[in-house]
């Protein structure tokens, strides 16, 4: 079964700490004010990448691409009609 790996770019992911609190992607208000109040939490060595940025605020980012890939027959996380889609999350 074919495997399609989606490899996002730098800063194109969501990061959470062990408590499940999202510490990256900045909120819209943090972005407008150029201040992320969670910056200190970005230094936590136990952060995990939880997903690609599918949308930010009301703007789609990678969601349309993932949707198109699934529409042609790849399925995220399991084998689909054409194969499996893997969103390769890294930091």
N, C-alpha and C. Protein backbone atom coordinates (compact mmCIF):
# COMPACT_ATOMS: atom_id res chain seq x y z
N UNK A 1 0.85 -1.18 0.00
CA UNK A 1 0.00 0.00 0.00
C UNK A 1 0.89 1.24 0.00
N UNK A 2 0.65 2.18 -0.90
CA UNK A 2 1.46 3.41 -0.96
C UNK A 2 1.33 4.25 0.32
N UNK A 3 2.40 4.96 0.61
CA UNK A 3 2.46 5.83 1.78
C UNK A 3 2.85 7.23 1.29
N UNK A 4 2.06 8.23 1.66
CA UNK A 4 2.36 9.61 1.32
C UNK A 4 2.71 10.33 2.62
N UNK A 5 3.92 10.88 2.70
CA UNK A 5 4.37 11.57 3.90
C UNK A 5 4.34 13.06 3.63
N UNK A 6 3.59 13.79 4.45
CA UNK A 6 3.49 15.24 4.35
C UNK A 6 4.48 15.84 5.33
N UNK A 7 5.47 16.55 4.82
CA UNK A 7 6.53 17.14 5.64
C UNK A 7 6.36 18.66 5.62
N UNK A 8 5.94 19.20 6.74
CA UNK A 8 5.70 20.64 6.83
C UNK A 8 7.01 21.40 6.98
N UNK A 9 6.93 22.72 6.88
CA UNK A 9 8.11 23.57 7.02
C UNK A 9 8.36 23.96 8.46
N UNK A 10 9.38 24.76 8.66
CA UNK A 10 9.76 25.22 9.99
C UNK A 10 8.66 26.13 10.56
N UNK A 11 8.33 25.97 11.81
CA UNK A 11 7.29 26.71 12.55
C UNK A 11 5.87 26.38 12.06
N UNK A 12 5.69 25.37 11.25
CA UNK A 12 4.37 25.02 10.70
C UNK A 12 3.70 23.91 11.49
N UNK A 13 3.82 23.94 12.81
CA UNK A 13 3.28 22.89 13.66
C UNK A 13 2.75 23.49 14.95
N UNK A 14 2.03 22.70 15.70
CA UNK A 14 1.53 23.09 17.01
C UNK A 14 2.32 22.33 18.07
N UNK A 15 2.71 23.04 19.13
CA UNK A 15 3.46 22.43 20.23
C UNK A 15 2.64 22.50 21.50
N UNK A 16 2.66 21.43 22.27
CA UNK A 16 1.97 21.39 23.57
C UNK A 16 2.93 20.88 24.63
N UNK A 17 2.65 21.27 25.88
CA UNK A 17 3.45 20.75 26.99
C UNK A 17 2.81 19.47 27.52
N UNK A 18 3.41 18.91 28.54
CA UNK A 18 2.94 17.63 29.09
C UNK A 18 1.52 17.72 29.65
N UNK A 19 1.09 18.93 30.03
CA UNK A 19 -0.27 19.13 30.55
C UNK A 19 -1.30 19.29 29.44
N UNK A 20 -0.85 19.28 28.18
CA UNK A 20 -1.76 19.44 27.06
C UNK A 20 -2.01 20.89 26.67
N UNK A 21 -1.34 21.82 27.33
CA UNK A 21 -1.50 23.24 27.00
C UNK A 21 -0.72 23.56 25.72
N UNK A 22 -1.40 24.14 24.75
CA UNK A 22 -0.73 24.52 23.51
C UNK A 22 0.12 25.77 23.77
N UNK A 23 1.42 25.68 23.46
CA UNK A 23 2.33 26.81 23.70
C UNK A 23 2.84 27.43 22.40
N UNK A 24 2.64 26.76 21.29
CA UNK A 24 2.94 27.33 19.98
C UNK A 24 1.88 26.85 19.04
N UNK A 25 1.25 27.60 18.56
CA UNK A 25 1.14 28.71 17.67
C UNK A 25 0.62 29.91 18.46
N UNK A 26 1.20 31.09 18.29
CA UNK A 26 0.68 32.25 19.00
C UNK A 26 -0.78 32.51 18.63
N UNK A 27 -1.53 33.03 19.58
CA UNK A 27 -2.92 33.41 19.30
C UNK A 27 -2.92 34.65 18.42
N UNK A 28 -4.07 34.98 17.86
CA UNK A 28 -4.18 36.17 17.00
C UNK A 28 -3.81 37.43 17.77
N UNK A 29 -4.27 37.54 19.01
CA UNK A 29 -3.95 38.74 19.80
C UNK A 29 -2.46 38.81 20.14
N UNK A 30 -1.83 37.66 20.40
CA UNK A 30 -0.40 37.65 20.65
C UNK A 30 0.37 38.07 19.40
N UNK A 31 -0.10 37.63 18.26
CA UNK A 31 0.55 37.97 17.00
C UNK A 31 0.44 39.46 16.71
N UNK A 32 -0.75 40.03 16.89
CA UNK A 32 -0.98 41.45 16.63
C UNK A 32 -0.12 42.31 17.56
N UNK A 33 -0.04 41.91 18.82
CA UNK A 33 0.75 42.68 19.79
C UNK A 33 2.23 42.32 19.76
N UNK A 34 2.61 41.37 18.90
CA UNK A 34 4.00 40.90 18.81
C UNK A 34 4.52 40.44 20.17
N UNK A 35 3.65 39.81 20.93
CA UNK A 35 4.06 39.32 22.26
C UNK A 35 3.37 37.99 22.54
N UNK A 36 4.16 36.94 22.68
CA UNK A 36 3.66 35.63 23.06
C UNK A 36 3.92 35.46 24.55
N UNK A 37 2.86 35.47 25.35
CA UNK A 37 3.02 35.34 26.81
C UNK A 37 3.52 33.96 27.23
N UNK A 38 3.54 33.03 26.32
CA UNK A 38 3.96 31.67 26.66
C UNK A 38 5.39 31.38 26.21
N UNK A 39 6.15 32.41 25.87
CA UNK A 39 7.51 32.23 25.36
C UNK A 39 8.37 31.40 26.29
N UNK A 40 8.28 31.63 27.59
CA UNK A 40 9.08 30.88 28.55
C UNK A 40 8.77 29.38 28.49
N UNK A 41 7.53 29.04 28.16
CA UNK A 41 7.13 27.63 28.09
C UNK A 41 7.72 26.94 26.86
N UNK A 42 8.15 27.71 25.87
CA UNK A 42 8.76 27.12 24.67
C UNK A 42 10.13 26.50 24.97
N UNK A 43 10.69 26.81 26.13
CA UNK A 43 11.99 26.25 26.51
C UNK A 43 11.87 24.88 27.19
N UNK A 44 10.65 24.44 27.44
CA UNK A 44 10.42 23.15 28.08
C UNK A 44 10.94 22.03 27.18
N UNK A 45 11.87 21.20 27.66
CA UNK A 45 12.41 20.12 26.82
C UNK A 45 11.42 18.99 26.54
N UNK A 46 10.29 18.96 27.25
CA UNK A 46 9.32 17.89 27.06
C UNK A 46 8.16 18.27 26.16
N UNK A 47 8.30 19.35 25.37
CA UNK A 47 7.23 19.74 24.46
C UNK A 47 7.06 18.67 23.39
N UNK A 48 5.82 18.52 22.93
CA UNK A 48 5.55 17.56 21.86
C UNK A 48 4.84 18.27 20.71
N UNK A 49 5.15 17.84 19.51
CA UNK A 49 4.46 18.34 18.33
C UNK A 49 3.15 17.58 18.23
N UNK A 50 2.04 18.31 18.21
CA UNK A 50 0.74 17.65 18.22
C UNK A 50 0.10 17.57 16.84
N UNK A 51 0.40 18.52 15.96
CA UNK A 51 -0.24 18.52 14.65
C UNK A 51 0.40 19.59 13.78
N UNK A 52 0.16 19.52 12.47
CA UNK A 52 0.52 20.62 11.59
C UNK A 52 -0.51 21.73 11.83
N UNK A 53 -0.21 22.92 11.37
CA UNK A 53 -1.15 24.02 11.51
C UNK A 53 -2.19 23.89 10.40
N UNK A 54 -3.32 23.33 10.75
CA UNK A 54 -4.39 23.18 9.76
C UNK A 54 -5.06 24.52 9.49
N UNK A 55 -5.22 25.33 10.54
CA UNK A 55 -5.75 26.68 10.38
C UNK A 55 -5.23 27.53 11.54
N UNK A 56 -5.18 28.83 11.30
CA UNK A 56 -4.76 29.78 12.32
C UNK A 56 -5.81 30.87 12.37
N UNK A 57 -6.41 31.04 13.55
CA UNK A 57 -7.57 31.93 13.70
C UNK A 57 -8.63 31.47 12.71
N UNK A 58 -8.98 32.29 11.76
CA UNK A 58 -10.01 31.90 10.80
C UNK A 58 -9.42 31.59 9.42
N UNK A 59 -8.10 31.55 9.33
CA UNK A 59 -7.44 31.35 8.04
C UNK A 59 -6.94 29.91 7.88
N UNK A 60 -7.33 29.25 6.81
CA UNK A 60 -6.81 27.91 6.57
C UNK A 60 -5.32 27.97 6.22
N UNK A 61 -4.56 27.01 6.72
CA UNK A 61 -3.14 26.93 6.40
C UNK A 61 -2.92 25.64 5.61
N UNK A 62 -2.78 24.50 6.30
CA UNK A 62 -2.57 23.23 5.62
C UNK A 62 -3.84 22.40 5.47
N UNK A 63 -4.94 22.82 6.06
CA UNK A 63 -6.19 22.06 5.97
C UNK A 63 -6.62 21.82 4.52
N UNK A 64 -6.58 22.83 3.65
CA UNK A 64 -6.99 22.57 2.26
C UNK A 64 -6.10 21.54 1.57
N UNK A 65 -4.80 21.54 1.87
CA UNK A 65 -3.89 20.57 1.25
C UNK A 65 -4.19 19.17 1.76
N UNK A 66 -4.35 19.03 3.08
CA UNK A 66 -4.66 17.72 3.66
C UNK A 66 -6.01 17.23 3.13
N UNK A 67 -7.00 18.10 3.05
CA UNK A 67 -8.31 17.72 2.51
C UNK A 67 -8.20 17.24 1.07
N UNK A 68 -7.42 17.94 0.25
CA UNK A 68 -7.24 17.54 -1.16
C UNK A 68 -6.56 16.18 -1.27
N UNK A 69 -5.55 15.95 -0.43
CA UNK A 69 -4.85 14.66 -0.46
C UNK A 69 -5.81 13.54 -0.06
N UNK A 70 -6.65 13.79 0.94
CA UNK A 70 -7.63 12.78 1.35
C UNK A 70 -8.70 12.59 0.27
N UNK A 71 -9.06 13.65 -0.41
CA UNK A 71 -10.08 13.58 -1.45
C UNK A 71 -9.65 12.67 -2.61
N UNK A 72 -8.34 12.62 -2.89
CA UNK A 72 -7.88 11.77 -3.99
C UNK A 72 -7.68 10.31 -3.57
N UNK A 73 -7.82 10.01 -2.26
CA UNK A 73 -7.80 8.62 -1.86
C UNK A 73 -6.82 8.21 -0.77
N UNK A 74 -6.02 9.15 -0.28
CA UNK A 74 -5.14 8.83 0.85
C UNK A 74 -5.88 9.17 2.13
N UNK A 75 -5.70 8.35 3.16
CA UNK A 75 -6.40 8.55 4.42
C UNK A 75 -5.38 8.76 5.53
N UNK A 76 -5.59 9.81 6.31
CA UNK A 76 -4.67 10.12 7.40
C UNK A 76 -4.75 9.05 8.49
N UNK A 77 -3.58 8.51 8.84
CA UNK A 77 -3.48 7.57 9.96
C UNK A 77 -3.84 6.14 9.66
N UNK A 78 -4.40 5.85 8.50
CA UNK A 78 -4.74 4.46 8.15
C UNK A 78 -4.77 4.33 6.63
N UNK A 79 -4.78 3.12 6.17
CA UNK A 79 -4.79 2.87 4.73
C UNK A 79 -6.13 3.29 4.12
N UNK A 80 -6.06 4.08 3.08
CA UNK A 80 -7.26 4.49 2.36
C UNK A 80 -7.31 3.82 1.01
N UNK A 81 -8.12 4.36 0.12
CA UNK A 81 -8.28 3.80 -1.22
C UNK A 81 -6.96 3.75 -1.97
N UNK A 82 -6.18 4.85 -1.92
CA UNK A 82 -4.88 4.88 -2.60
C UNK A 82 -3.72 4.56 -1.67
N UNK A 83 -3.89 4.83 -0.39
CA UNK A 83 -2.81 4.58 0.54
C UNK A 83 -2.98 5.38 1.82
N UNK A 84 -1.92 5.42 2.61
CA UNK A 84 -1.96 6.07 3.91
C UNK A 84 -1.26 7.43 3.84
N UNK A 85 -1.88 8.44 4.46
CA UNK A 85 -1.30 9.76 4.59
C UNK A 85 -0.70 9.89 5.98
N UNK A 86 0.57 10.25 6.06
CA UNK A 86 1.24 10.46 7.34
C UNK A 86 1.66 11.93 7.41
N UNK A 87 1.16 12.64 8.40
CA UNK A 87 1.61 14.00 8.65
C UNK A 87 2.82 13.87 9.55
N UNK A 88 4.00 14.09 9.01
CA UNK A 88 5.24 13.87 9.75
C UNK A 88 5.50 15.07 10.64
N UNK A 89 5.20 14.93 11.92
CA UNK A 89 5.35 16.00 12.88
C UNK A 89 6.73 15.95 13.51
N UNK A 90 7.43 17.06 13.44
CA UNK A 90 8.77 17.14 14.01
C UNK A 90 9.00 18.55 14.54
N UNK A 91 10.02 18.71 15.35
CA UNK A 91 10.43 20.02 15.84
C UNK A 91 11.93 20.08 15.83
